[in-house]
Protein backbone atom coordinates (compact mmCIF):
# COMPACT_ATOMS: atom_id res chain seq x y z
CA MET A 1 40.76 -6.28 -27.43
CA ALA A 2 43.33 -7.12 -30.10
CA TYR A 3 46.15 -5.83 -27.85
CA LEU A 4 44.85 -7.80 -24.87
CA GLU A 5 44.33 -10.98 -26.90
CA LYS A 6 47.90 -10.73 -28.21
CA GLY A 7 49.12 -10.50 -24.63
CA LEU A 8 51.99 -8.76 -22.87
CA CYS A 9 55.39 -8.41 -24.50
CA GLN A 10 57.66 -10.12 -21.97
CA PRO A 11 60.85 -11.38 -23.67
CA TYR A 12 62.24 -13.58 -20.89
CA GLY A 13 65.18 -14.87 -23.02
CA HIS A 14 66.39 -11.46 -24.16
CA ASP A 15 69.86 -10.25 -23.10
CA PHE A 16 68.86 -6.97 -21.52
CA SER A 17 71.45 -4.24 -22.22
CA ARG A 18 73.13 -2.42 -19.39
CA ARG A 19 73.41 1.32 -18.98
CA SER A 20 75.56 3.41 -16.71
CA MET A 21 73.52 4.87 -13.86
CA GLU A 22 75.21 6.80 -11.03
CA ASN A 23 78.56 5.02 -11.31
CA ASP A 24 76.85 1.67 -11.73
CA ASN A 25 75.71 -0.45 -14.67
CA ARG A 26 72.05 -1.32 -14.47
CA CYS A 27 69.58 -3.21 -16.70
CA PHE A 28 66.00 -4.47 -16.76
CA ARG A 29 65.58 -7.65 -14.74
CA LYS A 30 63.40 -10.46 -16.10
CA GLU A 31 62.31 -11.36 -12.53
CA TRP A 32 60.19 -8.22 -12.61
CA PHE A 33 57.83 -9.89 -15.11
CA SER A 34 56.80 -12.35 -12.39
CA GLU A 35 56.66 -9.74 -9.66
CA PHE A 36 54.72 -7.21 -11.74
CA HIS A 37 52.53 -9.34 -14.01
CA TRP A 38 51.27 -6.27 -15.87
CA LEU A 39 54.73 -5.14 -16.95
CA GLU A 40 56.00 -5.43 -20.56
CA TYR A 41 59.31 -4.55 -22.16
CA SER A 42 60.21 -2.97 -25.52
CA ILE A 43 63.50 -4.31 -26.93
CA GLU A 44 63.65 -1.52 -29.51
CA LYS A 45 63.35 1.31 -26.96
CA ASP A 46 64.91 -0.54 -24.01
CA ALA A 47 62.02 0.65 -21.80
CA ALA A 48 59.24 -0.85 -19.71
CA TYR A 49 55.52 -0.07 -20.11
CA CYS A 50 52.12 -0.95 -18.65
CA LEU A 51 49.73 -2.33 -21.27
CA HIS A 52 46.61 -1.82 -19.14
CA PHE A 53 47.58 1.77 -18.38
CA TYR A 54 48.30 2.39 -22.06
CA LEU A 55 44.80 1.25 -23.04
CA PHE A 56 42.71 2.74 -20.19
CA LYS A 57 44.81 5.45 -18.53
CA PRO A 58 42.36 7.61 -16.49
CA ASP A 59 42.56 11.36 -16.76
CA ARG A 60 43.80 11.88 -13.22
CA GLY A 61 46.88 14.07 -13.65
CA GLY A 62 50.18 12.46 -12.75
CA GLN A 63 48.73 9.50 -10.84
CA GLY A 64 50.23 6.16 -11.74
CA GLY A 65 53.41 7.82 -13.04
CA GLY A 66 51.75 9.99 -15.66
CA HIS A 67 53.08 9.25 -19.18
CA ILE A 68 56.09 7.23 -17.99
CA PHE A 69 54.36 3.86 -18.46
CA THR A 70 52.44 4.86 -21.64
CA LYS A 71 54.64 7.12 -23.83
CA THR A 72 58.19 7.83 -22.62
CA GLY A 73 58.74 4.43 -21.01
CA PHE A 74 60.33 3.49 -17.69
CA ARG A 75 64.16 3.21 -17.79
CA ASP A 76 65.26 4.07 -14.26
CA TRP A 77 66.33 0.49 -13.45
CA LYS A 78 67.89 1.61 -10.18
CA HIS A 79 64.60 2.70 -8.64
CA LYS A 80 62.33 -0.35 -8.52
CA LYS A 81 60.09 1.52 -6.09
CA THR A 82 58.62 3.42 -9.06
CA LEU A 83 57.06 0.15 -10.26
CA LYS A 84 55.54 -0.47 -6.83
CA ASP A 85 54.23 3.07 -6.66
CA HIS A 86 52.59 2.66 -10.07
CA PHE A 87 50.77 -0.48 -8.93
CA GLY A 88 49.62 1.38 -5.79
CA LEU A 89 46.68 0.55 -3.55
CA LEU A 90 43.35 -1.12 -4.37
CA ASP A 91 41.76 2.01 -5.87
CA SER A 92 44.88 3.20 -7.69
CA ALA A 93 44.78 4.48 -11.27
CA HIS A 94 46.57 1.33 -12.44
CA ASN A 95 44.06 -1.01 -10.77
CA GLN A 96 41.16 0.90 -12.29
CA ALA A 97 42.70 0.53 -15.75
CA PHE A 98 43.36 -3.18 -15.08
CA ALA A 99 39.71 -3.69 -14.02
CA LYS A 100 38.51 -2.11 -17.28
CA CYS A 101 40.73 -4.44 -19.29
CA THR A 102 39.39 -7.42 -17.37
CA ASN A 103 35.78 -6.32 -17.90
CA LEU A 104 36.43 -5.81 -21.61
CA MET A 105 37.66 -9.38 -22.01
CA ASN A 106 35.03 -10.87 -19.68
CA GLN A 107 31.97 -8.76 -20.39
CA LYS A 108 29.47 -11.30 -19.08
CA GLU A 109 31.27 -11.35 -15.74
CA SER A 110 31.79 -7.60 -15.46
CA ILE A 111 29.93 -5.56 -12.86
CA SER A 112 28.43 -3.26 -15.48
CA TYR A 113 27.14 -6.24 -17.47
CA VAL A 114 25.67 -7.86 -14.37
CA MET A 115 24.09 -4.55 -13.35
CA SER A 116 22.63 -4.16 -16.83
CA CYS A 117 21.15 -7.67 -16.70
CA GLN A 118 19.84 -7.07 -13.19
CA SER A 119 18.30 -3.79 -14.29
CA SER A 120 16.48 -5.52 -17.15
CA SER A 121 15.29 -8.31 -14.84
CA TYR A 122 14.24 -5.76 -12.25
CA ARG A 123 12.11 -3.84 -14.75
CA THR A 124 10.43 -7.01 -15.99
CA ARG A 125 9.73 -8.18 -12.42
CA LEU A 126 8.49 -4.72 -11.42
CA ASN A 127 6.12 -4.53 -14.40
CA ALA A 128 4.66 -7.94 -13.53
CA VAL A 129 4.06 -6.87 -9.91
CA LEU A 130 2.55 -3.56 -11.03
CA ASP A 131 0.16 -5.38 -13.38
CA CYS A 132 -1.10 -7.44 -10.44
CA ASN A 133 -1.28 -4.35 -8.22
CA ARG A 134 -3.33 -2.52 -10.84
CA PHE A 135 -5.82 -5.39 -11.06
CA LEU A 136 -6.23 -5.66 -7.27
CA LEU A 137 -6.65 -1.90 -6.91
CA MET A 138 -9.21 -1.72 -9.72
CA GLN A 139 -11.23 -4.50 -8.08
CA GLY A 140 -10.80 -3.14 -4.54
CA LEU A 141 -9.30 -6.41 -3.30
CA SER A 142 -6.91 -6.97 -0.40
CA PHE A 143 -3.25 -7.70 -1.16
CA HIS A 144 -2.06 -9.69 1.84
CA GLY A 145 -3.58 -12.14 4.27
CA HIS A 146 -2.98 -14.23 7.34
CA ASP A 147 -0.68 -16.93 6.00
CA GLU A 148 1.55 -16.38 2.95
CA SER A 149 4.06 -19.12 3.73
CA LYS A 150 5.05 -21.65 1.06
CA GLU A 151 3.13 -24.35 2.96
CA SER A 152 -0.13 -22.35 2.88
CA LEU A 153 -2.91 -23.63 0.60
CA ASN A 154 -3.96 -20.04 -0.07
CA ARG A 155 -1.19 -17.44 -0.08
CA GLU A 156 -3.72 -14.62 -0.62
CA ASN A 157 -4.49 -12.43 -3.61
CA LEU A 158 -1.16 -10.85 -4.56
CA ILE A 159 1.03 -13.95 -4.43
CA GLU A 160 -1.65 -16.21 -5.92
CA LEU A 161 -2.14 -13.74 -8.78
CA LEU A 162 1.62 -13.59 -9.38
CA ASN A 163 1.73 -17.41 -9.39
CA SER A 164 -1.02 -17.47 -11.99
CA TYR A 165 0.86 -14.85 -14.03
CA ALA A 166 4.09 -16.86 -13.83
CA ALA A 167 2.36 -20.08 -14.84
CA ARG A 168 1.33 -18.49 -18.13
CA CYS A 169 4.53 -16.58 -18.90
CA LYS A 170 7.90 -18.33 -18.85
CA GLU A 171 9.81 -15.04 -18.86
CA ILE A 172 8.03 -13.91 -15.70
CA LYS A 173 8.39 -17.28 -13.99
CA GLU A 174 12.19 -17.11 -14.36
CA LEU A 175 12.29 -13.81 -12.46
CA LEU A 176 9.82 -14.29 -9.58
CA PHE A 177 10.00 -15.76 -6.07
CA SER A 178 12.90 -18.25 -5.74
CA ASN A 179 14.43 -17.01 -9.00
CA ALA A 180 14.61 -13.43 -7.71
CA PRO A 181 17.20 -12.04 -5.26
CA GLU A 182 16.08 -12.41 -1.64
CA ASN A 183 16.09 -8.65 -1.14
CA ASP A 184 14.21 -7.96 -4.38
CA GLN A 185 11.06 -10.10 -4.15
CA MET A 186 8.70 -7.07 -4.31
CA THR A 187 6.00 -8.92 -2.38
CA SER A 188 6.56 -7.60 1.15
CA PRO A 189 3.83 -5.37 2.66
CA THR A 190 6.30 -2.47 2.97
CA ILE A 191 7.20 -2.52 -0.73
CA GLN A 192 3.56 -2.97 -1.71
CA LYS A 193 2.54 0.07 0.35
CA ASP A 194 5.19 2.13 -1.45
CA LEU A 195 3.94 0.98 -4.85
CA ILE A 196 0.31 1.65 -3.92
CA ASN A 197 1.27 5.11 -2.72
CA CYS A 198 2.89 5.73 -6.13
CA PHE A 199 -0.40 4.72 -7.78
CA ALA A 200 -2.27 7.14 -5.53
CA VAL A 201 0.10 10.02 -6.29
CA GLU A 202 -0.12 9.48 -10.06
CA MET A 203 -3.89 9.10 -9.99
CA THR A 204 -4.23 12.29 -7.97
CA ARG A 205 -2.16 14.16 -10.56
CA VAL A 206 -4.45 12.94 -13.31
CA ILE A 207 -7.58 13.88 -11.36
CA ILE A 208 -6.45 17.38 -10.42
CA HIS A 209 -6.26 19.71 -13.41
CA GLY A 210 -3.98 22.43 -12.07
CA ASP A 211 -6.10 25.47 -11.30
CA SER A 212 -9.43 23.84 -12.21
CA LEU A 213 -12.40 24.81 -10.08
CA PHE A 214 -13.78 22.16 -7.77
CA SER A 215 -15.91 21.48 -4.71
CA ILE A 216 -15.32 19.09 -1.84
CA LEU A 217 -17.45 16.55 0.02
CA VAL A 218 -16.36 15.78 3.57
CA ASP A 219 -17.45 13.00 5.91
CA GLU A 220 -16.13 11.54 9.16
CA ALA A 221 -16.08 8.05 10.62
CA ARG A 222 -14.31 6.19 13.42
CA ASP A 223 -11.91 3.40 12.51
CA ASN A 224 -11.31 0.15 14.43
CA PHE A 225 -8.91 1.95 16.77
CA MET A 226 -11.60 4.51 17.66
CA LYS A 227 -9.77 7.28 15.83
CA GLU A 228 -11.82 9.93 14.07
CA GLN A 229 -11.02 9.90 10.34
CA MET A 230 -12.02 12.60 7.87
CA ALA A 231 -12.57 11.54 4.25
CA VAL A 232 -12.41 14.13 1.46
CA VAL A 233 -13.88 13.69 -2.02
CA LEU A 234 -13.26 16.10 -4.92
CA ARG A 235 -16.13 17.04 -7.21
CA LEU A 236 -15.07 18.42 -10.60
CA VAL A 237 -16.58 19.23 -13.97
CA TYR A 238 -14.51 17.85 -16.87
CA LYS A 239 -14.19 19.64 -20.20
CA SER A 240 -16.68 17.18 -21.67
CA GLY A 241 -19.27 18.52 -19.23
CA GLN A 242 -19.32 15.42 -17.02
CA VAL A 243 -19.46 15.87 -13.26
CA LYS A 244 -17.03 13.47 -11.57
CA GLU A 245 -16.34 12.70 -7.93
CA HIS A 246 -12.95 11.30 -6.86
CA PHE A 247 -11.73 10.20 -3.45
CA LEU A 248 -8.83 12.46 -2.49
CA GLY A 249 -7.71 10.99 0.83
CA MET A 250 -8.27 10.47 4.54
CA SER A 251 -6.89 12.37 7.48
CA HIS A 252 -6.99 11.76 11.24
CA VAL A 253 -8.66 14.57 13.18
CA THR A 254 -8.63 14.99 16.94
CA ASN A 255 -12.27 16.10 16.92
CA THR A 256 -14.95 17.12 14.44
CA CYS A 257 -15.31 20.77 15.29
CA ALA A 258 -15.15 23.27 12.42
CA GLN A 259 -11.60 24.45 13.18
CA SER A 260 -10.17 20.91 13.26
CA LEU A 261 -11.81 20.03 9.95
CA LYS A 262 -10.60 23.28 8.38
CA ASP A 263 -6.99 22.67 9.51
CA ALA A 264 -7.08 19.10 8.17
CA ILE A 265 -8.49 20.27 4.81
CA ASP A 266 -5.85 23.02 4.57
CA ALA A 267 -3.11 20.44 5.20
CA MET A 268 -4.51 18.08 2.55
CA PHE A 269 -4.80 20.92 0.02
CA SER A 270 -1.18 21.84 0.67
CA ILE A 271 -0.02 18.27 0.01
CA HIS A 272 -1.84 18.06 -3.34
CA GLY A 273 -1.17 21.61 -4.50
CA LEU A 274 -4.79 22.75 -4.29
CA THR A 275 -5.81 26.29 -3.38
CA ILE A 276 -8.79 27.58 -1.44
CA SER A 277 -9.33 30.20 -4.17
CA SER A 278 -10.33 27.40 -6.58
CA LEU A 279 -12.84 25.94 -4.11
CA ARG A 280 -16.43 26.59 -5.18
CA GLY A 281 -18.46 24.47 -2.77
CA GLN A 282 -18.34 22.36 0.38
CA GLY A 283 -20.63 19.51 1.37
CA TYR A 284 -20.82 17.83 4.77
CA ASP A 285 -22.91 14.74 5.53
CA GLY A 286 -24.76 15.83 8.64
CA LEU A 287 -28.54 15.34 8.36
CA GLN A 288 -28.65 11.92 10.02
CA LEU A 289 -26.03 12.96 12.59
CA ALA A 290 -28.01 16.08 13.45
CA ILE A 291 -31.18 14.05 14.04
CA VAL A 292 -29.45 11.46 16.19
CA SER A 293 -27.66 14.17 18.16
CA ALA A 294 -30.94 16.03 18.74
CA THR A 295 -32.79 12.94 19.91
CA ARG A 296 -30.03 12.03 22.36
CA ARG A 297 -30.39 15.44 24.00
CA ASN A 298 -33.91 14.39 25.03
CA ASP A 299 -33.74 12.18 28.11
CA MET A 300 -36.65 9.92 27.16
CA LEU A 301 -35.44 9.36 23.58
CA GLY A 302 -31.89 8.94 24.78
CA ASP A 303 -33.05 6.17 27.12
CA LEU A 304 -34.90 4.59 24.19
CA PHE A 305 -31.73 4.18 22.14
CA ASP A 306 -29.82 2.91 25.17
CA VAL A 307 -32.45 0.22 25.86
CA LEU A 308 -32.52 -0.75 22.17
CA ALA A 309 -28.77 -1.21 22.17
CA ILE A 310 -28.85 -3.41 25.30
CA ILE A 311 -31.65 -5.60 23.90
CA VAL A 312 -29.88 -6.03 20.57
CA ASN A 313 -26.77 -7.20 22.44
CA LEU A 314 -28.81 -9.61 24.58
CA VAL A 315 -30.72 -11.13 21.67
CA GLY A 316 -27.71 -11.25 19.36
CA ALA A 317 -25.31 -12.60 21.98
CA SER A 318 -25.23 -16.09 20.46
CA CYS A 319 -26.19 -17.98 17.31
CA LYS A 320 -28.73 -19.88 19.43
CA CYS A 321 -30.53 -16.64 20.35
CA VAL A 322 -30.45 -15.37 16.76
CA ASP A 323 -31.92 -18.63 15.47
CA ALA A 324 -34.58 -18.53 18.18
CA LEU A 325 -35.51 -14.96 17.23
CA ARG A 326 -35.82 -15.93 13.58
CA THR A 327 -37.99 -18.94 14.45
CA CYS A 328 -40.26 -16.93 16.77
CA TYR A 329 -40.67 -14.21 14.16
CA GLN A 330 -41.65 -16.72 11.49
CA ALA A 331 -44.13 -18.38 13.89
CA ASN A 332 -45.73 -15.00 14.71
CA ILE A 333 -46.11 -14.18 11.01
CA LEU A 334 -47.74 -17.53 10.26
CA GLU A 335 -50.10 -17.14 13.22
CA LYS A 336 -51.24 -13.69 12.07
CA LEU A 337 -51.67 -14.92 8.50
CA ASN A 338 -53.86 -17.77 9.74
CA THR A 339 -56.00 -15.45 11.89
CA GLY A 340 -56.35 -12.92 9.10
CA GLU A 341 -54.46 -10.10 10.87
CA LEU A 342 -52.02 -10.02 7.93
CA THR A 343 -52.47 -10.68 4.23
CA SER A 344 -49.78 -12.27 2.13
CA GLY A 345 -48.19 -10.62 -0.89
CA SER A 346 -45.06 -10.52 -3.00
CA GLY A 347 -42.07 -9.05 -1.15
CA GLN A 348 -43.80 -8.94 2.23
CA PHE A 349 -42.54 -10.41 5.50
CA GLN A 350 -38.93 -10.76 4.42
CA GLU A 351 -36.47 -12.25 6.89
CA MET A 352 -35.30 -9.62 9.39
CA SER A 353 -32.50 -9.32 11.88
CA LEU A 354 -31.45 -6.88 14.60
CA ALA A 355 -28.18 -4.99 14.24
CA CYS A 356 -26.57 -2.06 16.01
CA PRO A 357 -27.07 1.17 14.02
CA GLY A 358 -24.22 3.40 12.90
CA ASP A 359 -24.51 7.13 13.47
CA THR A 360 -22.89 7.83 10.09
CA ARG A 361 -24.99 5.32 8.12
CA TRP A 362 -28.09 6.91 6.65
CA GLY A 363 -31.28 5.14 7.62
CA SER A 364 -29.68 2.59 9.96
CA HIS A 365 -31.67 3.85 12.98
CA LEU A 366 -34.91 3.73 11.01
CA LEU A 367 -34.14 0.18 9.88
CA LYS A 368 -33.40 -0.88 13.44
CA ILE A 369 -36.62 0.64 14.83
CA THR A 370 -38.69 -0.84 11.98
CA CYS A 371 -37.32 -4.32 12.65
CA PHE A 372 -37.85 -3.85 16.38
CA ILE A 373 -41.52 -2.97 15.91
CA ASN A 374 -42.17 -5.86 13.49
CA MET A 375 -40.32 -8.36 15.69
CA PHE A 376 -41.60 -7.03 19.02
CA ASN A 377 -43.42 -10.22 20.09
CA ALA A 378 -40.57 -12.44 18.88
CA ILE A 379 -38.08 -10.41 20.93
CA ILE A 380 -40.25 -10.81 24.06
CA ASP A 381 -40.34 -14.58 23.47
CA VAL A 382 -36.55 -14.78 23.09
CA LEU A 383 -36.01 -12.71 26.26
CA GLU A 384 -38.31 -15.08 28.14
CA ASN A 385 -36.27 -18.03 26.86
CA ILE A 386 -33.06 -16.32 27.98
CA LEU A 387 -34.63 -15.72 31.41
CA ALA A 388 -35.71 -19.35 31.67
CA ASP A 389 -32.34 -20.76 30.56
CA GLY A 390 -30.20 -18.14 32.30
CA VAL A 391 -27.57 -19.27 34.74
CA HIS A 392 -25.86 -16.04 35.71
CA SER A 393 -27.81 -13.83 38.08
CA ASP A 394 -26.54 -10.60 36.50
CA LYS A 395 -27.83 -11.72 33.07
CA LYS A 396 -31.20 -12.66 34.58
CA SER A 397 -31.60 -9.29 36.26
CA SER A 398 -30.61 -7.45 33.04
CA THR A 399 -33.12 -9.49 31.01
CA VAL A 400 -35.91 -8.74 33.52
CA ARG A 401 -35.14 -5.01 33.40
CA GLN A 402 -35.21 -4.92 29.59
CA MET A 403 -38.47 -6.91 29.41
CA ASN A 404 -40.12 -4.51 31.83
CA ALA A 405 -38.75 -1.51 29.91
CA MET A 406 -40.03 -2.89 26.58
CA GLN A 407 -43.54 -3.36 27.87
CA ASP A 408 -43.74 0.10 29.40
CA PHE A 409 -46.10 2.55 27.64
CA GLU A 410 -43.47 5.30 27.48
CA PHE A 411 -40.99 2.98 25.67
CA VAL A 412 -43.59 1.83 23.11
CA PHE A 413 -44.79 5.40 22.54
CA ASN A 414 -41.23 6.67 21.97
CA LEU A 415 -40.50 3.72 19.67
CA HIS A 416 -43.42 4.61 17.36
CA PHE A 417 -42.76 8.34 17.73
CA MET A 418 -39.17 7.94 16.47
CA PHE A 419 -40.39 5.69 13.68
CA GLU A 420 -42.63 8.52 12.42
CA ILE A 421 -39.84 11.12 12.68
CA LEU A 422 -37.16 8.98 11.03
CA ALA A 423 -39.51 7.87 8.27
CA ILE A 424 -39.93 11.54 7.27
CA THR A 425 -36.23 12.34 7.40
CA ASP A 426 -35.38 9.12 5.55
CA ASP A 427 -37.50 10.27 2.58
CA LEU A 428 -35.45 13.47 2.56
CA SER A 429 -32.21 11.51 2.86
CA GLN A 430 -33.10 9.29 -0.09
CA ALA A 431 -34.10 12.30 -2.19
CA LEU A 432 -30.81 14.07 -1.49
CA GLN A 433 -28.88 10.99 -2.57
CA LYS A 434 -30.47 10.64 -6.00
CA LYS A 435 -27.95 10.91 -8.82
CA ASP A 436 -30.24 13.12 -10.91
CA GLN A 437 -30.79 15.54 -8.03
CA ASP A 438 -29.78 19.12 -8.92
CA ILE A 439 -29.65 21.28 -5.81
C-alpha cells in the first residue's frame, strides 16, 4: 500500500539518455507514460518497470514478460510491441495484478469485500428464515397462502412471521424483503420446499441410529388427486428405554397389493440407509378396511351403504337442508322427552350431523350408522320437505326412491344389524389403539 500510495515513478522532465541499438540511437519516450499508464521509469538503471506487476506478479511462467518488468527492467526501446504484449487482453497476467492493486486500495469496493459482506448478510437472512421455518414446522402450520402480494391484508404465515421478526430486530429488518437482492428473498415456495426438505433429511438422520433395530407401521390413504399414498412410521426403542414413533415419509403406490407395498418400502429403506435385516416388526392398519370390504361383498349390505351415501348427499346438499335436519331432530327429541319415551341426562342428545364415512378412518361407519338411526325420523321429514319443494323431476324421483328404500324392512334390519357388528369391532379398535396396550 505504501508503494501504491507513493504512486508511479514517471519523470516527465528527465532528459532520457540514448543508446545505440542496431545502427540507431534510441531512448525511452515520455509519451509512453500516457499510453501505458502503468509504466514507470528508473533514472538510475535507465529501464522501465511495471509497478503493479512488481507487487502482484502471478506465478504463471513467462506470461506478461516474465521478470523483464519486475527485476531486469525493459530497455529494448526499439520494440514498443513488448509493452503492448505485456498489457495483453482482459484476463492477462498484468490485468490480474492491476485488479489486485485496485482492490487493495479500494477494499470496500472490491469483489472479494462485497462477496464477504453478501455472505455475512446471506447467513443472517438465512438464519432468520430458518427460525421462522422451524416454528411453522413445529406447530404444523402452512407456509404460503392465496395472496402474498404487498397489497394483501394477510400475506400468510411465513411472510407475516418474518415481518414480525423484522419489526423487533433492526439487523434483520435491514436484510429482508426490499432490502434483500431480488433473487435472494428466500420466501418463494421453491426455496421453502428445499429448506423444508433439508429439515426432513436432518431430522431423519437424528431419528435413525445407524443399525438400530426398529419396526414399521404402514397405512394407505388417497389424496385429493385420487392417488394412493403409503405412509410409513418408524417405531424404535431409545437407549433410555422409551418407545418412540416417528413419521418416515410417504410414497405413491399404484395399488395396495403386498408386492407394491413391499417394493415401495424397499425403495424408502434404500433412500434412508435402512436394512431389512434390522426390521423386527411390521404393522398394517387393516381391521376397519377388512370389515368394510367384507360387508361390501354382501349384496344387501353393499346396497345399504350405497343408499346411505345417496341420502347423506341429498340431506347435506345445502345449508337449508342441514338446518332443517337439525331443527327436525331437536323437535323429535323434545317430543319424546315430553311423552316420556326418553329421559334427560348429562351428555345425552348432543347435536348430530350426517357425514360421509372414510374407509381408512376407524369408527366412521359406526358413527354414521348411529347418527342415521337416532335421526331416522328427522331424515324422513327433511326428505319430505325436499320432495315438496323440489323443482327438478330427477331430484324428486331420487328422493322418492330413497324414502321408499329407508322405510323398507330389509333396509332397517340391515341398518341395525351393521350397528351391532360395528359396535363390537369398534370396541376392539379402541382397545388396540390404547397407548398402554402391550400386544
